[in-house]
Amino acid sequence: MNLCISGFLPEGNDDEFIKYDLDVEPEFESELLELLGHASLNDMAVGEWPLTLEQVQQISAVIKQKLPLDLDLFIGVVA
């Protein structure tokens, strides 16, 4: 299991297809779990969690990669 960040056009758009998809490297998982307030990947395995702008910026700093700010971003666990 690993963390995955997905992005969609903001609510109100007719296009509901995924616009962004990123599998988070395992080396960043523990820091992101702590940042998001989860104890384990199993705690997050119940679906996708919406990310706030502040969380997106914090995650971007941790993974050292720019994330799109113009999309609604979510994080979840994939097998």
Protein backbone atom coordinates (compact mmCIF):
# COMPACT_ATOMS: atom_id res chain seq x y z
CA MET A 1 0.00 0.00 0.00
CA ASN A 2 1.14 3.52 -0.69
CA LEU A 3 -0.19 7.07 -0.68
CA CYS A 4 -1.54 8.58 -3.87
CA ILE A 5 -2.46 12.22 -4.55
CA SER A 6 -5.13 12.86 -7.15
CA GLY A 7 -6.45 16.09 -8.57
CA PHE A 8 -9.70 17.11 -10.22
CA LEU A 9 -11.04 20.33 -11.68
CA PRO A 10 -12.79 22.43 -9.03
CA GLU A 11 -16.41 21.70 -8.22
CA GLY A 12 -18.86 23.04 -10.77
CA ASN A 13 -17.00 21.76 -13.82
CA ASP A 14 -18.69 19.17 -16.01
CA ASP A 15 -15.37 17.36 -16.46
CA GLU A 16 -15.05 14.86 -13.61
CA PHE A 17 -12.02 13.03 -15.00
CA ILE A 18 -8.80 12.89 -13.02
CA LYS A 19 -6.36 15.63 -14.03
CA TYR A 20 -3.44 14.82 -11.74
CA ASP A 21 -2.13 11.60 -10.23
CA LEU A 22 0.99 11.11 -8.13
CA ASP A 23 2.16 8.02 -6.25
CA VAL A 24 4.02 9.28 -3.19
CA GLU A 25 7.45 7.74 -2.66
CA PRO A 26 7.48 5.43 0.40
CA GLU A 27 10.28 7.47 2.00
CA PHE A 28 7.83 10.37 2.56
CA GLU A 29 4.89 8.36 3.92
CA SER A 30 5.61 8.58 7.65
CA GLU A 31 6.13 12.36 7.54
CA LEU A 32 2.95 12.86 5.52
CA LEU A 33 0.94 10.60 7.84
CA GLU A 34 2.08 12.69 10.79
CA LEU A 35 1.34 15.94 8.95
CA LEU A 36 -2.19 14.74 8.17
CA GLY A 37 -2.80 13.39 11.68
CA HIS A 38 -2.99 9.69 10.87
CA ALA A 39 -1.15 6.91 12.69
CA SER A 40 -0.83 4.50 9.77
CA LEU A 41 -1.74 3.84 6.15
CA ASN A 42 -4.54 1.60 7.43
CA ASP A 43 -6.10 4.63 9.15
CA MET A 44 -6.31 6.36 5.76
CA ALA A 45 -7.50 3.35 3.78
CA VAL A 46 -11.20 4.25 3.99
CA GLY A 47 -11.22 6.52 0.93
CA GLU A 48 -9.74 9.73 -0.34
CA TRP A 49 -9.22 12.72 1.92
CA PRO A 50 -9.57 16.28 0.60
CA LEU A 51 -6.50 18.47 1.06
CA THR A 52 -6.56 22.10 2.12
CA LEU A 53 -4.32 24.65 0.42
CA GLU A 54 -2.11 24.69 3.53
CA GLN A 55 -1.78 20.89 3.46
CA VAL A 56 -0.96 20.96 -0.26
CA GLN A 57 1.82 23.47 0.40
CA GLN A 58 3.18 21.43 3.33
CA ILE A 59 3.10 18.18 1.33
CA SER A 60 4.81 19.90 -1.58
CA ALA A 61 7.64 20.98 0.73
CA VAL A 62 8.01 17.46 2.17
CA ILE A 63 8.11 15.65 -1.17
CA LYS A 64 10.12 18.45 -2.81
CA GLN A 65 7.76 18.59 -5.75
CA LYS A 66 5.31 21.25 -6.90
CA LEU A 67 1.68 20.25 -6.68
CA PRO A 68 -1.00 21.94 -8.78
CA LEU A 69 -2.81 24.66 -6.85
CA ASP A 70 -5.58 25.08 -9.42
CA LEU A 71 -7.08 21.61 -8.81
CA ASP A 72 -9.01 20.07 -5.95
CA LEU A 73 -6.47 17.63 -4.51
CA PHE A 74 -7.14 14.48 -2.52
CA ILE A 75 -4.89 11.92 -0.84
CA GLY A 76 -5.64 8.27 -0.31
CA VAL A 77 -4.15 4.81 -0.07
CA VAL A 78 -3.82 2.50 -3.06
CA ALA A 79 -2.80 -1.14 -3.04
